[in-house]
PDB file of N, CA and C in Angstrom:
ATOM      1  N   MET A   1     136.225-129.352  16.817  1.00  0.00           N
ATOM      2  CA  MET A   1     136.592-129.375  15.444  1.00  0.00           C
ATOM      3  C   MET A   1     135.500-130.389  15.309  1.00  0.00           C
ATOM      4  N   SER A   2     134.557-130.404  14.322  1.00  0.00           N
ATOM      5  CA  SER A   2     133.444-131.087  13.498  1.00  0.00           C
ATOM      6  C   SER A   2     134.475-132.712  13.032  1.00  0.00           C
ATOM      7  N   ASP A   3     133.710-134.047  13.188  1.00  0.00           N
ATOM      8  CA  ASP A   3     133.722-135.032  12.578  1.00  0.00           C
ATOM      9  C   ASP A   3     133.365-135.267  11.168  1.00  0.00           C
ATOM     10  N   LEU A   4     132.616-134.600  10.738  1.00  0.00           N
ATOM     11  CA  LEU A   4     131.846-134.423   9.696  1.00  0.00           C
ATOM     12  C   LEU A   4     132.689-134.609   8.530  1.00  0.00           C
ATOM     13  N   ILE A   5     132.286-135.456   7.166  1.00  0.00           N
ATOM     14  CA  ILE A   5     133.073-135.436   5.961  1.00  0.00           C
ATOM     15  C   ILE A   5     132.439-135.166   5.290  1.00  0.00           C
ATOM     16  N   LYS A   6     132.622-134.048   4.443  1.00  0.00           N
ATOM     17  CA  LYS A   6     131.451-133.838   3.128  1.00  0.00           C
ATOM     18  C   LYS A   6     132.384-134.406   1.909  1.00  0.00           C
ATOM     19  N   ARG A   7     131.329-134.486   1.102  1.00  0.00           N
ATOM     20  CA  ARG A   7     130.998-135.141  -0.183  1.00  0.00           C
ATOM     21  C   ARG A   7     130.230-134.538  -1.271  1.00  0.00           C
ATOM     22  N   SER A   8     130.569-134.127  -2.380  1.00  0.00           N
ATOM     23  CA  SER A   8     129.577-133.863  -3.456  1.00  0.00           C
ATOM     24  C   SER A   8     129.674-134.742  -4.861  1.00  0.00           C
ATOM     25  N   PHE A   9     128.134-134.115  -4.615  1.00  0.00           N
ATOM     26  CA  PHE A   9     127.093-135.153  -5.437  1.00  0.00           C
ATOM     27  C   PHE A   9     126.493-134.165  -6.920  1.00  0.00           C
ATOM     28  N   THR A  10     126.347-134.468  -7.922  1.00  0.00           N
ATOM     29  CA  THR A  10     125.493-134.188  -9.007  1.00  0.00           C
ATOM     30  C   THR A  10     124.150-135.274  -8.323  1.00  0.00           C
ATOM     31  N   LEU A  11     122.835-134.158  -8.421  1.00  0.00           N
ATOM     32  CA  LEU A  11     121.756-135.191  -8.343  1.00  0.00           C
ATOM     33  C   LEU A  11     120.973-134.467  -9.446  1.00  0.00           C
ATOM     34  N   SER A  12     120.164-135.130 -10.086  1.00  0.00           N
ATOM     35  CA  SER A  12     119.120-134.421 -10.709  1.00  0.00           C
ATOM     36  C   SER A  12     119.753-133.108 -11.551  1.00  0.00           C
ATOM     37  N   ARG A  13     120.789-133.281 -12.107  1.00  0.00           N
ATOM     38  CA  ARG A  13     122.167-132.189 -12.944  1.00  0.00           C
ATOM     39  C   ARG A  13     122.039-131.756 -11.816  1.00  0.00           C
ATOM     40  N   HIS A  14     121.877-131.023 -10.656  1.00  0.00           N
ATOM     41  CA  HIS A  14     122.151-129.856  -9.576  1.00  0.00           C
ATOM     42  C   HIS A  14     123.289-130.537  -8.506  1.00  0.00           C
ATOM     43  N   ARG A  15     124.818-130.070  -8.379  1.00  0.00           N
ATOM     44  CA  ARG A  15     125.985-130.196  -8.061  1.00  0.00           C
ATOM     45  C   ARG A  15     125.146-129.894  -6.271  1.00  0.00           C
ATOM     46  N   THR A  16     125.458-131.146  -4.927  1.00  0.00           N
ATOM     47  CA  THR A  16     125.491-130.908  -3.751  1.00  0.00           C
ATOM     48  C   THR A  16     126.522-131.130  -2.998  1.00  0.00           C
ATOM     49  N   SER A  17     126.440-130.731  -1.763  1.00  0.00           N
ATOM     50  CA  SER A  17     127.313-131.248  -1.007  1.00  0.00           C
ATOM     51  C   SER A  17     126.922-131.456   0.450  1.00  0.00           C
ATOM     52  N   ILE A  18     126.880-133.452   0.786  1.00  0.00           N
ATOM     53  CA  ILE A  18     126.579-133.605   1.998  1.00  0.00           C
ATOM     54  C   ILE A  18     127.313-134.061   2.824  1.00  0.00           C
ATOM     55  N   ALA A  19     127.382-133.638   3.903  1.00  0.00           N
ATOM     56  CA  ALA A  19     128.023-133.739   5.127  1.00  0.00           C
ATOM     57  C   ALA A  19     127.625-134.432   6.171  1.00  0.00           C
ATOM     58  N   LEU A  20     128.173-135.930   6.359  1.00  0.00           N
ATOM     59  CA  LEU A  20     127.717-137.548   7.154  1.00  0.00           C
ATOM     60  C   LEU A  20     129.008-137.457   8.520  1.00  0.00           C
ATOM     61  N   GLU A  21     128.854-138.058   9.083  1.00  0.00           N
ATOM     62  CA  GLU A  21     129.692-138.680   9.893  1.00  0.00           C
ATOM     63  C   GLU A  21     130.484-139.841   8.769  1.00  0.00           C
ATOM     64  N   PRO A  22     131.879-140.385   9.370  1.00  0.00           N
ATOM     65  CA  PRO A  22     132.670-141.142   9.105  1.00  0.00           C
ATOM     66  C   PRO A  22     131.952-142.646   8.961  1.00  0.00           C
ATOM     67  N   GLU A  23     130.651-142.815  10.170  1.00  0.00           N
ATOM     68  CA  GLU A  23     130.580-144.103  10.001  1.00  0.00           C
ATOM     69  C   GLU A  23     128.856-143.953   9.188  1.00  0.00           C
ATOM     70  N   PHE A  24     128.640-143.502   8.632  1.00  0.00           N
ATOM     71  CA  PHE A  24     127.217-142.952   8.372  1.00  0.00           C
ATOM     72  C   PHE A  24     127.815-143.336   6.558  1.00  0.00           C
ATOM     73  N   TRP A  25     128.935-142.876   6.169  1.00  0.00           N
ATOM     74  CA  TRP A  25     129.663-142.968   5.101  1.00  0.00           C
ATOM     75  C   TRP A  25     130.158-144.615   5.005  1.00  0.00           C
ATOM     76  N   ALA A  26     130.496-145.212   5.479  1.00  0.00           N
ATOM     77  CA  ALA A  26     131.185-146.410   5.658  1.00  0.00           C
ATOM     78  C   ALA A  26     129.979-147.354   5.392  1.00  0.00           C
ATOM     79  N   VAL A  27     129.029-146.925   5.664  1.00  0.00           N
ATOM     80  CA  VAL A  27     127.431-147.973   5.840  1.00  0.00           C
ATOM     81  C   VAL A  27     126.644-147.635   4.563  1.00  0.00           C
ATOM     82  N   LEU A  28     126.743-146.952   4.297  1.00  0.00           N
ATOM     83  CA  LEU A  28     126.255-145.996   2.167  1.00  0.00           C
ATOM     84  C   LEU A  28     127.493-146.791   1.866  1.00  0.00           C
ATOM     85  N   GLU A  29     128.599-147.196   1.998  1.00  0.00           N
ATOM     86  CA  GLU A  29     129.742-147.608   0.798  1.00  0.00           C
ATOM     87  C   GLU A  29     129.348-149.367   0.735  1.00  0.00           C
ATOM     88  N   GLU A  30     128.379-149.531   1.693  1.00  0.00           N
ATOM     89  CA  GLU A  30     128.529-150.836   1.849  1.00  0.00           C
ATOM     90  C   GLU A  30     127.511-151.592   1.220  1.00  0.00           C
ATOM     91  N   MET A  31     126.341-150.548   1.300  1.00  0.00           N
ATOM     92  CA  MET A  31     125.005-150.547   1.083  1.00  0.00           C
ATOM     93  C   MET A  31     125.277-150.407  -1.077  1.00  0.00           C
ATOM     94  N   SER A  32     126.446-149.706  -1.163  1.00  0.00           N
ATOM     95  CA  SER A  32     126.306-149.407  -2.710  1.00  0.00           C
ATOM     96  C   SER A  32     127.154-150.630  -3.429  1.00  0.00           C
ATOM     97  N   ALA A  33     127.013-151.603  -2.590  1.00  0.00           N
ATOM     98  CA  ALA A  33     128.390-152.644  -3.047  1.00  0.00           C
ATOM     99  C   ALA A  33     128.057-153.167  -4.534  1.00  0.00           C
ATOM    100  N   GLY A  34     128.423-153.028  -5.233  1.00  0.00           N
ATOM    101  CA  GLY A  34     128.566-153.351  -6.333  1.00  0.00           C
ATOM    102  C   GLY A  34     127.903-152.634  -7.910  1.00  0.00           C
ATOM    103  N   HIS A  35     127.037-151.324  -7.083  1.00  0.00           N
ATOM    104  CA  HIS A  35     126.733-149.896  -7.684  1.00  0.00           C
ATOM    105  C   HIS A  35     127.625-148.470  -7.406  1.00  0.00           C
ATOM    106  N   SER A  36     127.532-147.330  -7.758  1.00  0.00           N
ATOM    107  CA  SER A  36     128.374-146.375  -7.468  1.00  0.00           C
ATOM    108  C   SER A  36     127.379-145.608  -6.220  1.00  0.00           C
ATOM    109  N   LEU A  37     128.419-144.849  -4.842  1.00  0.00           N
ATOM    110  CA  LEU A  37     127.612-144.669  -4.132  1.00  0.00           C
ATOM    111  C   LEU A  37     126.639-143.396  -4.841  1.00  0.00           C
ATOM    112  N   ALA A  38     127.249-142.766  -5.680  1.00  0.00           N
ATOM    113  CA  ALA A  38     126.185-141.364  -6.312  1.00  0.00           C
ATOM    114  C   ALA A  38     124.468-141.994  -6.636  1.00  0.00           C
ATOM    115  N   SER A  39     124.982-143.469  -7.476  1.00  0.00           N
ATOM    116  CA  SER A  39     123.670-144.165  -7.576  1.00  0.00           C
ATOM    117  C   SER A  39     122.233-144.371  -6.513  1.00  0.00           C
ATOM    118  N   LEU A  40     123.395-144.946  -5.802  1.00  0.00           N
ATOM    119  CA  LEU A  40     122.404-145.091  -4.188  1.00  0.00           C
ATOM    120  C   LEU A  40     122.067-143.983  -3.789  1.00  0.00           C
ATOM    121  N   ILE A  41     122.700-142.758  -3.700  1.00  0.00           N
ATOM    122  CA  ILE A  41     122.473-141.492  -3.057  1.00  0.00           C
ATOM    123  C   ILE A  41     121.238-140.883  -3.801  1.00  0.00           C
ATOM    124  N   ALA A  42     121.457-141.112  -4.854  1.00  0.00           N
ATOM    125  CA  ALA A  42     120.577-140.730  -5.812  1.00  0.00           C
ATOM    126  C   ALA A  42     118.850-141.700  -6.055  1.00  0.00           C
ATOM    127  N   ARG A  43     118.898-142.401  -6.125  1.00  0.00           N
ATOM    128  CA  ARG A  43     117.690-143.299  -5.535  1.00  0.00           C
ATOM    129  C   ARG A  43     117.098-142.821  -4.324  1.00  0.00           C
ATOM    130  N   ILE A  44     118.226-142.425  -3.269  1.00  0.00           N
ATOM    131  CA  ILE A  44     117.310-142.037  -1.677  1.00  0.00           C
ATOM    132  C   ILE A  44     116.923-141.083  -2.023  1.00  0.00           C
ATOM    133  N   ASP A  45     117.724-139.982  -2.525  1.00  0.00           N
ATOM    134  CA  ASP A  45     117.153-138.849  -3.039  1.00  0.00           C
ATOM    135  C   ASP A  45     115.857-138.823  -3.473  1.00  0.00           C
ATOM    136  N   THR A  46     115.461-139.453  -4.727  1.00  0.00           N
ATOM    137  CA  THR A  46     114.445-139.472  -5.071  1.00  0.00           C
ATOM    138  C   THR A  46     113.115-140.007  -4.134  1.00  0.00           C
ATOM    139  N   THR A  47     113.409-140.559  -3.649  1.00  0.00           N
ATOM    140  CA  THR A  47     112.758-141.730  -2.452  1.00  0.00           C
ATOM    141  C   THR A  47     112.060-140.885  -1.199  1.00  0.00           C
ATOM    142  N   ARG A  48     112.817-139.865  -0.937  1.00  0.00           N
ATOM    143  CA  ARG A  48     112.416-139.647   0.481  1.00  0.00           C
ATOM    144  C   ARG A  48     111.360-138.478   0.317  1.00  0.00           C
ATOM    145  N   PRO A  49     110.892-138.499   1.942  1.00  0.00           N
ATOM    146  CA  PRO A  49     109.864-137.050   1.432  1.00  0.00           C
ATOM    147  C   PRO A  49     110.558-135.866   1.754  1.00  0.00           C
ATOM    148  N   PRO A  50     109.473-134.758   0.824  1.00  0.00           N
ATOM    149  CA  PRO A  50     110.512-133.774   1.140  1.00  0.00           C
ATOM    150  C   PRO A  50     110.123-132.725   1.801  1.00  0.00           C
ATOM    151  N   GLU A  51     110.428-133.199   2.801  1.00  0.00           N
ATOM    152  CA  GLU A  51     110.295-132.780   4.331  1.00  0.00           C
ATOM    153  C   GLU A  51     111.672-133.035   5.240  1.00  0.00           C
ATOM    154  N   ARG A  52     112.175-134.089   4.141  1.00  0.00           N
ATOM    155  CA  ARG A  52     112.853-134.452   5.297  1.00  0.00           C
ATOM    156  C   ARG A  52     114.800-134.312   4.446  1.00  0.00           C
ATOM    157  N   PRO A  53     115.184-133.403   5.021  1.00  0.00           N
ATOM    158  CA  PRO A  53     116.693-133.078   4.324  1.00  0.00           C
ATOM    159  C   PRO A  53     117.122-134.617   3.657  1.00  0.00           C
ATOM    160  N   LEU A  54     118.003-134.830   3.068  1.00  0.00           N
ATOM    161  CA  LEU A  54     118.961-135.691   3.048  1.00  0.00           C
ATOM    162  C   LEU A  54     119.831-135.770   3.446  1.00  0.00           C
ATOM    163  N   ALA A  55     120.744-135.445   4.267  1.00  0.00           N
ATOM    164  CA  ALA A  55     121.554-135.803   5.110  1.00  0.00           C
ATOM    165  C   ALA A  55     120.153-136.867   6.098  1.00  0.00           C
ATOM    166  N   SER A  56     119.704-136.642   6.357  1.00  0.00           N
ATOM    167  CA  SER A  56     118.755-136.881   7.350  1.00  0.00           C
ATOM    168  C   SER A  56     118.531-138.412   6.580  1.00  0.00           C
ATOM    169  N   ALA A  57     117.892-138.257   5.435  1.00  0.00           N
ATOM    170  CA  ALA A  57     117.695-139.334   4.683  1.00  0.00           C
ATOM    171  C   ALA A  57     118.753-140.239   4.181  1.00  0.00           C
ATOM    172  N   LEU A  58     119.608-139.917   4.326  1.00  0.00           N
ATOM    173  CA  LEU A  58     120.938-140.965   4.650  1.00  0.00           C
ATOM    174  C   LEU A  58     121.081-141.836   5.633  1.00  0.00           C
ATOM    175  N   ARG A  59     121.157-140.948   6.614  1.00  0.00           N
ATOM    176  CA  ARG A  59     121.114-141.671   7.787  1.00  0.00           C
ATOM    177  C   ARG A  59     120.258-142.683   7.800  1.00  0.00           C
ATOM    178  N   VAL A  60     118.776-142.531   8.305  1.00  0.00           N
ATOM    179  CA  VAL A  60     117.763-143.065   8.095  1.00  0.00           C
ATOM    180  C   VAL A  60     117.906-144.720   7.269  1.00  0.00           C
ATOM    181  N   ALA A  61     117.959-144.403   5.944  1.00  0.00           N
ATOM    182  CA  ALA A  61     118.689-145.021   5.253  1.00  0.00           C
ATOM    183  C   ALA A  61     119.355-146.472   5.766  1.00  0.00           C
ATOM    184  N   CYS A  62     120.601-145.964   6.362  1.00  0.00           N
ATOM    185  CA  CYS A  62     121.781-146.545   7.209  1.00  0.00           C
ATOM    186  C   CYS A  62     121.474-147.403   8.181  1.00  0.00           C
ATOM    187  N   LEU A  63     120.258-146.719   9.071  1.00  0.00           N
ATOM    188  CA  LEU A  63     119.832-147.213   9.887  1.00  0.00           C
ATOM    189  C   LEU A  63     118.659-148.496   9.564  1.00  0.00           C
ATOM    190  N   THR A  64     117.747-148.183   8.612  1.00  0.00           N
ATOM    191  CA  THR A  64     116.989-149.087   8.357  1.00  0.00           C
ATOM    192  C   THR A  64     118.211-150.560   7.400  1.00  0.00           C
ATOM    193  N   SER A  65     119.237-150.393   6.962  1.00  0.00           N
ATOM    194  CA  SER A  65     119.887-151.482   6.041  1.00  0.00           C
ATOM    195  C   SER A  65     120.276-151.618   7.705  1.00  0.00           C
ATOM    196  N   LEU A  66     121.165-151.604   8.327  1.00  0.00           N
ATOM    197  CA  LEU A  66     121.260-152.061   9.623  1.00  0.00           C
ATOM    198  C   LEU A  66     120.677-152.824  10.490  1.00  0.00           C
ATOM    199  N   LYS A  67     119.227-152.382  10.935  1.00  0.00           N
ATOM    200  CA  LYS A  67     118.533-152.923  11.195  1.00  0.00           C
ATOM    201  C   LYS A  67     118.419-154.179  10.565  1.00  0.00           C
ATOM    202  N   ALA A  68     117.657-154.082   9.187  1.00  0.00           N
ATOM    203  CA  ALA A  68     117.573-155.590   8.237  1.00  0.00           C
ATOM    204  C   ALA A  68     118.723-156.369   8.366  1.00  0.00           C
ATOM    205  N   ARG A  69     119.729-156.066   8.490  1.00  0.00           N
ATOM    206  CA  ARG A  69     120.690-157.233   8.860  1.00  0.00           C
ATOM    207  C   ARG A  69     120.440-157.789   9.786  1.00  0.00           C
ATOM    208  N   LEU A  70     120.307-157.356  11.254  1.00  0.00           N
ATOM    209  CA  LEU A  70     120.112-157.902  12.567  1.00  0.00           C
ATOM    210  C   LEU A  70     118.973-158.986  12.452  1.00  0.00           C
TER     211      LEU A  70
END
């Protein structure tokens, strides 16, 4: 059984589902404090390299955020 959590968002007027581990969702929610999670994900989506999948870009953003806190 997978421990991935799937959530759906509208990005650039298209619905998409993203499956991530709960730990990454928790970090993304912390990163979006004061703003919507959807707006954070949309920002990451528009700035990621086109060859990088969105789920991968979100994981990298989480790691980058955590690294900056250290």
